[in-house]
PDB file of N, CA and C in Angstrom:
ATOM      1  N   MET A   1     124.071 105.006  93.351  1.00  0.00           N
ATOM      2  CA  MET A   1     123.119 105.063  94.609  1.00  0.00           C
ATOM      3  C   MET A   1     123.487 104.090  95.518  1.00  0.00           C
ATOM      4  N   SER A   2     123.396 104.552  96.826  1.00  0.00           N
ATOM      5  CA  SER A   2     124.026 103.710  97.884  1.00  0.00           C
ATOM      6  C   SER A   2     122.609 103.017  98.584  1.00  0.00           C
ATOM      7  N   GLY A   3     122.527 103.024  99.879  1.00  0.00           N
ATOM      8  CA  GLY A   3     121.369 102.442 100.426  1.00  0.00           C
ATOM      9  C   GLY A   3     120.113 103.064 100.471  1.00  0.00           C
ATOM     10  N   LEU A   4     119.129 102.580 101.146  1.00  0.00           N
ATOM     11  CA  LEU A   4     117.971 103.307 101.318  1.00  0.00           C
ATOM     12  C   LEU A   4     117.856 104.120 102.529  1.00  0.00           C
ATOM     13  N   ASN A   5     117.283 105.156 102.469  1.00  0.00           N
ATOM     14  CA  ASN A   5     117.018 106.094 103.775  1.00  0.00           C
ATOM     15  C   ASN A   5     115.499 106.393 103.849  1.00  0.00           C
ATOM     16  N   PHE A   6     114.864 105.526 104.877  1.00  0.00           N
ATOM     17  CA  PHE A   6     113.536 105.657 105.015  1.00  0.00           C
ATOM     18  C   PHE A   6     113.106 106.800 106.052  1.00  0.00           C
ATOM     19  N   VAL A   7     112.400 107.829 105.596  1.00  0.00           N
ATOM     20  CA  VAL A   7     112.100 108.807 106.456  1.00  0.00           C
ATOM     21  C   VAL A   7     110.463 109.033 106.375  1.00  0.00           C
ATOM     22  N   ALA A   8     109.857 109.538 107.444  1.00  0.00           N
ATOM     23  CA  ALA A   8     108.458 109.701 107.556  1.00  0.00           C
ATOM     24  C   ALA A   8     107.907 111.105 107.714  1.00  0.00           C
ATOM     25  N   ASP A   9     108.610 112.002 108.234  1.00  0.00           N
ATOM     26  CA  ASP A   9     108.239 113.397 108.376  1.00  0.00           C
ATOM     27  C   ASP A   9     108.081 114.064 107.156  1.00  0.00           C
ATOM     28  N   HIS A  10     106.975 114.673 106.933  1.00  0.00           N
ATOM     29  CA  HIS A  10     106.734 115.606 105.745  1.00  0.00           C
ATOM     30  C   HIS A  10     107.649 116.730 105.782  1.00  0.00           C
ATOM     31  N   HIS A  11     108.144 117.183 106.567  1.00  0.00           N
ATOM     32  CA  HIS A  11     109.119 118.328 106.507  1.00  0.00           C
ATOM     33  C   HIS A  11     110.544 117.973 106.276  1.00  0.00           C
ATOM     34  N   GLU A  12     110.925 116.823 106.691  1.00  0.00           N
ATOM     35  CA  GLU A  12     112.255 116.056 106.401  1.00  0.00           C
ATOM     36  C   GLU A  12     112.304 116.007 104.703  1.00  0.00           C
ATOM     37  N   VAL A  13     111.117 115.353 104.464  1.00  0.00           N
ATOM     38  CA  VAL A  13     111.075 114.778 103.088  1.00  0.00           C
ATOM     39  C   VAL A  13     111.158 116.254 102.010  1.00  0.00           C
ATOM     40  N   ALA A  14     110.157 117.186 102.486  1.00  0.00           N
ATOM     41  CA  ALA A  14     110.039 118.484 101.810  1.00  0.00           C
ATOM     42  C   ALA A  14     111.569 119.288 101.755  1.00  0.00           C
ATOM     43  N   GLY A  15     112.321 118.915 102.815  1.00  0.00           N
ATOM     44  CA  GLY A  15     113.504 119.668 102.758  1.00  0.00           C
ATOM     45  C   GLY A  15     114.633 118.944 101.791  1.00  0.00           C
ATOM     46  N   LYS A  16     114.405 117.499 101.664  1.00  0.00           N
ATOM     47  CA  LYS A  16     115.038 116.817 100.742  1.00  0.00           C
ATOM     48  C   LYS A  16     114.845 117.166  99.307  1.00  0.00           C
ATOM     49  N   LEU A  17     113.675 117.361  99.029  1.00  0.00           N
ATOM     50  CA  LEU A  17     113.135 117.835  97.780  1.00  0.00           C
ATOM     51  C   LEU A  17     113.692 119.215  97.334  1.00  0.00           C
ATOM     52  N   LEU A  18     113.566 120.047  98.278  1.00  0.00           N
ATOM     53  CA  LEU A  18     114.131 121.387  98.322  1.00  0.00           C
ATOM     54  C   LEU A  18     115.585 121.387  97.869  1.00  0.00           C
ATOM     55  N   ASN A  19     116.306 120.414  98.383  1.00  0.00           N
ATOM     56  CA  ASN A  19     117.616 120.382  98.198  1.00  0.00           C
ATOM     57  C   ASN A  19     118.045 119.492  96.927  1.00  0.00           C
ATOM     58  N   GLY A  20     116.949 119.295  96.125  1.00  0.00           N
ATOM     59  CA  GLY A  20     117.172 118.451  94.658  1.00  0.00           C
ATOM     60  C   GLY A  20     117.092 116.989  94.817  1.00  0.00           C
ATOM     61  N   TRP A  21     116.746 116.516  95.984  1.00  0.00           N
ATOM     62  CA  TRP A  21     116.759 114.900  96.128  1.00  0.00           C
ATOM     63  C   TRP A  21     115.165 114.628  95.511  1.00  0.00           C
ATOM     64  N   PHE A  22     114.933 113.363  95.059  1.00  0.00           N
ATOM     65  CA  PHE A  22     113.678 112.852  94.725  1.00  0.00           C
ATOM     66  C   PHE A  22     113.316 111.806  95.755  1.00  0.00           C
ATOM     67  N   VAL A  23     112.154 111.289  95.845  1.00  0.00           N
ATOM     68  CA  VAL A  23     111.573 110.426  96.870  1.00  0.00           C
ATOM     69  C   VAL A  23     110.964 109.420  96.169  1.00  0.00           C
ATOM     70  N   ILE A  24     110.973 108.264  96.669  1.00  0.00           N
ATOM     71  CA  ILE A  24     110.095 106.996  96.219  1.00  0.00           C
ATOM     72  C   ILE A  24     109.374 106.652  97.484  1.00  0.00           C
ATOM     73  N   LEU A  25     108.064 106.654  97.221  1.00  0.00           N
ATOM     74  CA  LEU A  25     107.189 106.322  98.360  1.00  0.00           C
ATOM     75  C   LEU A  25     106.567 104.793  98.026  1.00  0.00           C
ATOM     76  N   PRO A  26     107.056 103.948  98.766  1.00  0.00           N
ATOM     77  CA  PRO A  26     106.599 102.576  98.570  1.00  0.00           C
ATOM     78  C   PRO A  26     105.153 102.561  99.246  1.00  0.00           C
ATOM     79  N   TRP A  27     104.017 102.174  98.522  1.00  0.00           N
ATOM     80  CA  TRP A  27     102.843 102.259  99.120  1.00  0.00           C
ATOM     81  C   TRP A  27     102.550 101.308 100.299  1.00  0.00           C
ATOM     82  N   GLU A  28     103.170 100.533 100.552  1.00  0.00           N
ATOM     83  CA  GLU A  28     102.965  99.796 101.904  1.00  0.00           C
ATOM     84  C   GLU A  28     103.521 100.319 103.040  1.00  0.00           C
ATOM     85  N   ARG A  29     104.358 101.364 102.856  1.00  0.00           N
ATOM     86  CA  ARG A  29     104.903 102.048 104.119  1.00  0.00           C
ATOM     87  C   ARG A  29     104.141 103.273 104.411  1.00  0.00           C
ATOM     88  N   ALA A  30     103.096 103.566 103.975  1.00  0.00           N
ATOM     89  CA  ALA A  30     102.013 104.741 104.280  1.00  0.00           C
ATOM     90  C   ALA A  30     100.650 104.158 104.382  1.00  0.00           C
ATOM     91  N   ASP A  31      99.864 104.525 105.382  1.00  0.00           N
ATOM     92  CA  ASP A  31      98.734 104.121 105.570  1.00  0.00           C
ATOM     93  C   ASP A  31      97.646 104.355 104.416  1.00  0.00           C
ATOM     94  N   ASP A  32      97.798 105.773 103.781  1.00  0.00           N
ATOM     95  CA  ASP A  32      97.194 105.982 102.755  1.00  0.00           C
ATOM     96  C   ASP A  32      98.101 106.987 101.928  1.00  0.00           C
ATOM     97  N   PRO A  33      98.928 106.358 100.690  1.00  0.00           N
ATOM     98  CA  PRO A  33      99.635 107.011 100.083  1.00  0.00           C
ATOM     99  C   PRO A  33      99.073 108.292  99.372  1.00  0.00           C
ATOM    100  N   GLY A  34      97.779 108.363  99.028  1.00  0.00           N
ATOM    101  CA  GLY A  34      97.220 109.461  98.413  1.00  0.00           C
ATOM    102  C   GLY A  34      97.247 110.790  99.298  1.00  0.00           C
ATOM    103  N   ILE A  35      96.864 110.464 100.492  1.00  0.00           N
ATOM    104  CA  ILE A  35      96.683 111.563 101.586  1.00  0.00           C
ATOM    105  C   ILE A  35      98.048 111.864 102.063  1.00  0.00           C
ATOM    106  N   TRP A  36      98.955 110.891 102.096  1.00  0.00           N
ATOM    107  CA  TRP A  36     100.409 111.322 102.631  1.00  0.00           C
ATOM    108  C   TRP A  36     100.946 112.266 101.459  1.00  0.00           C
ATOM    109  N   CYS A  37     100.783 111.929 100.223  1.00  0.00           N
ATOM    110  CA  CYS A  37     101.259 112.806  99.045  1.00  0.00           C
ATOM    111  C   CYS A  37     100.727 114.263  99.141  1.00  0.00           C
ATOM    112  N   GLU A  38      99.355 114.261  99.553  1.00  0.00           N
ATOM    113  CA  GLU A  38      98.865 115.658  99.288  1.00  0.00           C
ATOM    114  C   GLU A  38      99.240 116.450 100.681  1.00  0.00           C
ATOM    115  N   GLU A  39      99.431 115.739 101.646  1.00  0.00           N
ATOM    116  CA  GLU A  39     100.164 116.462 102.831  1.00  0.00           C
ATOM    117  C   GLU A  39     101.528 116.950 102.572  1.00  0.00           C
ATOM    118  N   LEU A  40     102.345 116.098 101.839  1.00  0.00           N
ATOM    119  CA  LEU A  40     103.531 116.508 101.402  1.00  0.00           C
ATOM    120  C   LEU A  40     103.697 117.637 100.566  1.00  0.00           C
ATOM    121  N   VAL A  41     102.829 117.675  99.549  1.00  0.00           N
ATOM    122  CA  VAL A  41     102.592 118.729  98.390  1.00  0.00           C
ATOM    123  C   VAL A  41     102.520 119.936  99.270  1.00  0.00           C
ATOM    124  N   ALA A  42     101.533 120.068 100.314  1.00  0.00           N
ATOM    125  CA  ALA A  42     101.162 121.121 100.984  1.00  0.00           C
ATOM    126  C   ALA A  42     102.267 121.696 101.713  1.00  0.00           C
ATOM    127  N   VAL A  43     103.034 120.792 102.265  1.00  0.00           N
ATOM    128  CA  VAL A  43     104.260 121.382 103.330  1.00  0.00           C
ATOM    129  C   VAL A  43     105.294 121.890 102.055  1.00  0.00           C
ATOM    130  N   ALA A  44     105.624 121.186 101.053  1.00  0.00           N
ATOM    131  CA  ALA A  44     106.325 121.625  99.892  1.00  0.00           C
ATOM    132  C   ALA A  44     105.962 122.868  99.594  1.00  0.00           C
ATOM    133  N   ASP A  45     104.668 123.200  99.191  1.00  0.00           N
ATOM    134  CA  ASP A  45     104.208 124.592  98.767  1.00  0.00           C
ATOM    135  C   ASP A  45     104.560 125.512  99.858  1.00  0.00           C
ATOM    136  N   ASP A  46     104.269 125.255 101.024  1.00  0.00           N
ATOM    137  CA  ASP A  46     104.733 126.385 101.923  1.00  0.00           C
ATOM    138  C   ASP A  46     106.158 126.848 102.110  1.00  0.00           C
ATOM    139  N   LEU A  47     107.162 125.702 101.649  1.00  0.00           N
ATOM    140  CA  LEU A  47     108.603 126.095 101.419  1.00  0.00           C
ATOM    141  C   LEU A  47     108.818 126.616  99.922  1.00  0.00           C
ATOM    142  N   GLY A  48     107.885 126.685  99.182  1.00  0.00           N
ATOM    143  CA  GLY A  48     108.149 127.177  97.919  1.00  0.00           C
ATOM    144  C   GLY A  48     108.558 126.315  96.842  1.00  0.00           C
ATOM    145  N   VAL A  49     108.371 124.974  97.106  1.00  0.00           N
ATOM    146  CA  VAL A  49     109.006 124.052  96.364  1.00  0.00           C
ATOM    147  C   VAL A  49     107.877 123.322  95.454  1.00  0.00           C
ATOM    148  N   GLY A  50     107.989 123.485  94.044  1.00  0.00           N
ATOM    149  CA  GLY A  50     107.047 122.931  92.997  1.00  0.00           C
ATOM    150  C   GLY A  50     107.410 121.368  93.013  1.00  0.00           C
ATOM    151  N   VAL A  51     106.493 120.637  93.368  1.00  0.00           N
ATOM    152  CA  VAL A  51     106.644 119.079  93.496  1.00  0.00           C
ATOM    153  C   VAL A  51     105.645 118.479  92.425  1.00  0.00           C
ATOM    154  N   CYS A  52     106.222 117.424  91.877  1.00  0.00           N
ATOM    155  CA  CYS A  52     105.586 116.532  90.940  1.00  0.00           C
ATOM    156  C   CYS A  52     105.340 115.214  91.670  1.00  0.00           C
ATOM    157  N   VAL A  53     104.175 114.736  91.641  1.00  0.00           N
ATOM    158  CA  VAL A  53     103.797 113.432  92.400  1.00  0.00           C
ATOM    159  C   VAL A  53     103.388 112.423  91.169  1.00  0.00           C
ATOM    160  N   GLN A  54     104.131 111.417  90.844  1.00  0.00           N
ATOM    161  CA  GLN A  54     104.200 110.586  89.787  1.00  0.00           C
ATOM    162  C   GLN A  54     103.851 109.002  90.267  1.00  0.00           C
ATOM    163  N   PRO A  55     102.458 108.432  90.440  1.00  0.00           N
ATOM    164  CA  PRO A  55     102.254 107.161  90.792  1.00  0.00           C
ATOM    165  C   PRO A  55     102.867 106.237  89.672  1.00  0.00           C
ATOM    166  N   ILE A  56     103.468 105.145  90.226  1.00  0.00           N
ATOM    167  CA  ILE A  56     104.008 103.988  89.084  1.00  0.00           C
ATOM    168  C   ILE A  56     103.386 102.608  89.693  1.00  0.00           C
ATOM    169  N   SER A  57     102.177 102.526  89.162  1.00  0.00           N
ATOM    170  CA  SER A  57     101.283 101.452  89.757  1.00  0.00           C
ATOM    171  C   SER A  57     101.949 100.048  89.555  1.00  0.00           C
ATOM    172  N   ASN A  58     102.642  99.802  88.519  1.00  0.00           N
ATOM    173  CA  ASN A  58     103.169  98.444  88.275  1.00  0.00           C
ATOM    174  C   ASN A  58     104.389  98.160  89.303  1.00  0.00           C
ATOM    175  N   HIS A  59     104.586  99.142  89.973  1.00  0.00           N
ATOM    176  CA  HIS A  59     105.889  98.920  91.071  1.00  0.00           C
ATOM    177  C   HIS A  59     105.282  99.123  92.430  1.00  0.00           C
ATOM    178  N   SER A  60     103.958  99.587  92.586  1.00  0.00           N
ATOM    179  CA  SER A  60     103.418 100.091  93.665  1.00  0.00           C
ATOM    180  C   SER A  60     104.056 101.060  94.607  1.00  0.00           C
ATOM    181  N   VAL A  61     104.585 102.006  93.753  1.00  0.00           N
ATOM    182  CA  VAL A  61     105.361 103.274  94.397  1.00  0.00           C
ATOM    183  C   VAL A  61     104.994 104.556  93.862  1.00  0.00           C
ATOM    184  N   THR A  62     105.323 105.462  94.448  1.00  0.00           N
ATOM    185  CA  THR A  62     105.010 106.876  93.792  1.00  0.00           C
ATOM    186  C   THR A  62     106.345 107.592  94.081  1.00  0.00           C
ATOM    187  N   LEU A  63     106.608 108.182  92.718  1.00  0.00           N
ATOM    188  CA  LEU A  63     107.763 109.154  92.580  1.00  0.00           C
ATOM    189  C   LEU A  63     107.407 110.486  92.709  1.00  0.00           C
ATOM    190  N   ILE A  64     108.229 111.128  93.767  1.00  0.00           N
ATOM    191  CA  ILE A  64     108.059 112.482  94.078  1.00  0.00           C
ATOM    192  C   ILE A  64     109.294 113.342  93.767  1.00  0.00           C
ATOM    193  N   TYR A  65     109.108 114.272  93.104  1.00  0.00           N
ATOM    194  CA  TYR A  65     110.256 115.033  92.746  1.00  0.00           C
ATOM    195  C   TYR A  65     110.087 116.593  92.709  1.00  0.00           C
ATOM    196  N   ASN A  66     111.293 117.318  92.938  1.00  0.00           N
ATOM    197  CA  ASN A  66     111.246 118.781  92.723  1.00  0.00           C
ATOM    198  C   ASN A  66     111.009 119.017  91.166  1.00  0.00           C
ATOM    199  N   MET A  67     110.216 119.853  90.800  1.00  0.00           N
ATOM    200  CA  MET A  67     110.154 120.300  89.340  1.00  0.00           C
ATOM    201  C   MET A  67     111.318 120.851  88.806  1.00  0.00           C
ATOM    202  N   ASP A  68     112.328 121.406  89.691  1.00  0.00           N
ATOM    203  CA  ASP A  68     113.426 121.931  89.231  1.00  0.00           C
ATOM    204  C   ASP A  68     114.598 121.080  89.258  1.00  0.00           C
ATOM    205  N   ALA A  69     114.425 119.843  89.677  1.00  0.00           N
ATOM    206  CA  ALA A  69     115.367 118.843  89.699  1.00  0.00           C
ATOM    207  C   ALA A  69     114.838 117.527  89.342  1.00  0.00           C
ATOM    208  N   ILE A  70     114.453 117.305  88.083  1.00  0.00           N
ATOM    209  CA  ILE A  70     113.821 116.126  87.779  1.00  0.00           C
ATOM    210  C   ILE A  70     114.879 115.066  87.726  1.00  0.00           C
ATOM    211  N   PRO A  71     114.568 113.930  88.352  1.00  0.00           N
ATOM    212  CA  PRO A  71     115.591 112.793  88.275  1.00  0.00           C
ATOM    213  C   PRO A  71     115.807 112.225  86.850  1.00  0.00           C
ATOM    214  N   SER A  72     116.822 111.551  86.421  1.00  0.00           N
ATOM    215  CA  SER A  72     116.976 110.859  85.254  1.00  0.00           C
ATOM    216  C   SER A  72     116.153 109.667  85.420  1.00  0.00           C
ATOM    217  N   TYR A  73     115.996 109.158  84.369  1.00  0.00           N
ATOM    218  CA  TYR A  73     115.179 107.626  84.100  1.00  0.00           C
ATOM    219  C   TYR A  73     116.053 106.568  84.771  1.00  0.00           C
ATOM    220  N   GLU A  74     117.344 106.573  84.665  1.00  0.00           N
ATOM    221  CA  GLU A  74     118.249 105.710  85.366  1.00  0.00           C
ATOM    222  C   GLU A  74     118.212 105.917  86.775  1.00  0.00           C
ATOM    223  N   ARG A  75     118.357 107.055  87.255  1.00  0.00           N
ATOM    224  CA  ARG A  75     118.240 107.314  88.760  1.00  0.00           C
ATOM    225  C   ARG A  75     116.850 106.716  89.375  1.00  0.00           C
ATOM    226  N   ALA A  76     115.747 107.197  88.647  1.00  0.00           N
ATOM    227  CA  ALA A  76     114.550 106.621  89.256  1.00  0.00           C
ATOM    228  C   ALA A  76     114.481 105.299  89.177  1.00  0.00           C
ATOM    229  N   ARG A  77     114.853 104.478  88.020  1.00  0.00           N
ATOM    230  CA  ARG A  77     114.802 103.115  88.010  1.00  0.00           C
ATOM    231  C   ARG A  77     115.737 102.496  88.940  1.00  0.00           C
ATOM    232  N   ASP A  78     116.864 102.831  89.253  1.00  0.00           N
ATOM    233  CA  ASP A  78     117.742 102.233  90.210  1.00  0.00           C
ATOM    234  C   ASP A  78     117.101 102.349  91.811  1.00  0.00           C
ATOM    235  N   ALA A  79     116.560 103.393  91.982  1.00  0.00           N
ATOM    236  CA  ALA A  79     116.035 103.782  93.291  1.00  0.00           C
ATOM    237  C   ALA A  79     114.594 102.728  93.469  1.00  0.00           C
ATOM    238  N   ILE A  80     113.947 102.536  92.471  1.00  0.00           N
ATOM    239  CA  ILE A  80     112.721 101.493  92.374  1.00  0.00           C
ATOM    240  C   ILE A  80     113.327 100.143  92.592  1.00  0.00           C
ATOM    241  N   ALA A  81     114.488  99.709  91.929  1.00  0.00           N
ATOM    242  CA  ALA A  81     115.079  98.527  92.031  1.00  0.00           C
ATOM    243  C   ALA A  81     115.509  98.263  93.588  1.00  0.00           C
ATOM    244  N   LEU A  82     116.094  99.249  94.118  1.00  0.00           N
ATOM    245  CA  LEU A  82     116.534  99.262  95.654  1.00  0.00           C
ATOM    246  C   LEU A  82     115.141  98.844  96.366  1.00  0.00           C
ATOM    247  N   ILE A  83     113.979  99.681  96.260  1.00  0.00           N
ATOM    248  CA  ILE A  83     112.872  99.413  96.964  1.00  0.00           C
ATOM    249  C   ILE A  83     112.390  97.837  96.732  1.00  0.00           C
ATOM    250  N   GLU A  84     112.453  97.607  95.564  1.00  0.00           N
ATOM    251  CA  GLU A  84     111.950  96.103  95.251  1.00  0.00           C
ATOM    252  C   GLU A  84     112.865  95.116  95.790  1.00  0.00           C
ATOM    253  N   HIS A  85     114.160  95.420  95.915  1.00  0.00           N
ATOM    254  CA  HIS A  85     115.260  94.534  96.789  1.00  0.00           C
ATOM    255  C   HIS A  85     114.982  94.391  98.086  1.00  0.00           C
ATOM    256  N   ASP A  86     114.706  95.534  98.822  1.00  0.00           N
ATOM    257  CA  ASP A  86     114.181  95.704 100.127  1.00  0.00           C
ATOM    258  C   ASP A  86     112.897  94.762 100.371  1.00  0.00           C
ATOM    259  N   ARG A  87     112.028  94.995  99.413  1.00  0.00           N
ATOM    260  CA  ARG A  87     110.691  94.278  99.654  1.00  0.00           C
ATOM    261  C   ARG A  87     111.184  92.820  99.580  1.00  0.00           C
ATOM    262  N   PHE A  88     111.865  92.344  98.776  1.00  0.00           N
ATOM    263  CA  PHE A  88     112.290  90.877  98.661  1.00  0.00           C
ATOM    264  C   PHE A  88     112.766  90.246  99.826  1.00  0.00           C
ATOM    265  N   MET A  89     113.792  91.056 100.205  1.00  0.00           N
ATOM    266  CA  MET A  89     114.512  90.788 101.427  1.00  0.00           C
ATOM    267  C   MET A  89     113.735  90.758 102.814  1.00  0.00           C
ATOM    268  N   THR A  90     112.687  91.516 102.935  1.00  0.00           N
ATOM    269  CA  THR A  90     111.851  91.552 104.078  1.00  0.00           C
ATOM    270  C   THR A  90     110.397  90.910 103.888  1.00  0.00           C
ATOM    271  N   ARG A  91     110.191  90.272 102.818  1.00  0.00           N
ATOM    272  CA  ARG A  91     109.020  89.898 102.472  1.00  0.00           C
ATOM    273  C   ARG A  91     108.377  88.807 103.780  1.00  0.00           C
ATOM    274  N   ASP A  92     109.233  88.274 104.421  1.00  0.00           N
ATOM    275  CA  ASP A  92     108.827  87.337 105.305  1.00  0.00           C
ATOM    276  C   ASP A  92     109.856  87.305 106.268  1.00  0.00           C
ATOM    277  N   SER A  93     109.468  87.421 107.661  1.00  0.00           N
ATOM    278  CA  SER A  93     110.521  87.449 108.715  1.00  0.00           C
ATOM    279  C   SER A  93     111.050  86.202 108.968  1.00  0.00           C
ATOM    280  N   ARG A  94     110.375  85.166 108.509  1.00  0.00           N
ATOM    281  CA  ARG A  94     111.103  83.687 108.727  1.00  0.00           C
ATOM    282  C   ARG A  94     112.019  83.491 107.515  1.00  0.00           C
ATOM    283  N   ARG A  95     113.173  82.924 107.842  1.00  0.00           N
ATOM    284  CA  ARG A  95     114.152  82.629 106.748  1.00  0.00           C
ATOM    285  C   ARG A  95     114.092  81.358 106.314  1.00  0.00           C
ATOM    286  N   LEU A  96     113.868  81.276 104.940  1.00  0.00           N
ATOM    287  CA  LEU A  96     113.787  79.965 104.302  1.00  0.00           C
ATOM    288  C   LEU A  96     115.057  79.294 104.159  1.00  0.00           C
ATOM    289  N   LEU A  97     116.008  79.740 104.171  1.00  0.00           N
ATOM    290  CA  LEU A  97     117.360  79.363 103.981  1.00  0.00           C
ATOM    291  C   LEU A  97     118.316  79.661 105.035  1.00  0.00           C
ATOM    292  N   VAL A  98     119.007  78.890 105.617  1.00  0.00           N
ATOM    293  CA  VAL A  98     120.032  79.111 106.704  1.00  0.00           C
ATOM    294  C   VAL A  98     121.319  78.670 106.210  1.00  0.00           C
ATOM    295  N   THR A  99     122.245  79.652 105.956  1.00  0.00           N
ATOM    296  CA  THR A  99     123.644  79.398 105.486  1.00  0.00           C
ATOM    297  C   THR A  99     124.430  78.615 106.375  1.00  0.00           C
ATOM    298  N   GLY A 100     125.198  77.685 105.957  1.00  0.00           N
ATOM    299  CA  GLY A 100     126.003  77.002 106.912  1.00  0.00           C
ATOM    300  C   GLY A 100     125.409  75.905 107.664  1.00  0.00           C
ATOM    301  N   TYR A 101     124.292  75.530 107.281  1.00  0.00           N
ATOM    302  CA  TYR A 101     123.464  74.463 107.923  1.00  0.00           C
ATOM    303  C   TYR A 101     123.414  73.388 106.876  1.00  0.00           C
ATOM    304  N   ARG A 102     123.704  72.157 107.291  1.00  0.00           N
ATOM    305  CA  ARG A 102     123.523  70.946 106.483  1.00  0.00           C
ATOM    306  C   ARG A 102     122.534  70.145 107.021  1.00  0.00           C
ATOM    307  N   ALA A 103     121.612  69.604 106.127  1.00  0.00           N
ATOM    308  CA  ALA A 103     120.457  68.653 106.790  1.00  0.00           C
ATOM    309  C   ALA A 103     120.787  67.329 106.859  1.00  0.00           C
ATOM    310  N   SER A 104     121.988  66.969 106.203  1.00  0.00           N
ATOM    311  CA  SER A 104     122.420  65.469 106.251  1.00  0.00           C
ATOM    312  C   SER A 104     123.191  64.947 107.607  1.00  0.00           C
TER     313      SER A 104
END
């Protein structure tokens, strides 16, 4: 699994689901994750894509996938790890450590 690819458009996400991708929705990136998922399911239904929406509350994300292309546990776990790494790296815009700087 390479890097993260953030998208916000329901049609783009539905297209990815149609092509067998799965989506991880970090809850902090949506104003209301429940409504966002409902809107996505409606768009996917219009395209004829059966979608499963699985909230994963202990990671504050929602896993969304095409019912005909269910991701393996390992792929979903790795994607969630990427999200958590991104959260860790961007948790604070101030940098606590500056490499190459010596205080003495």
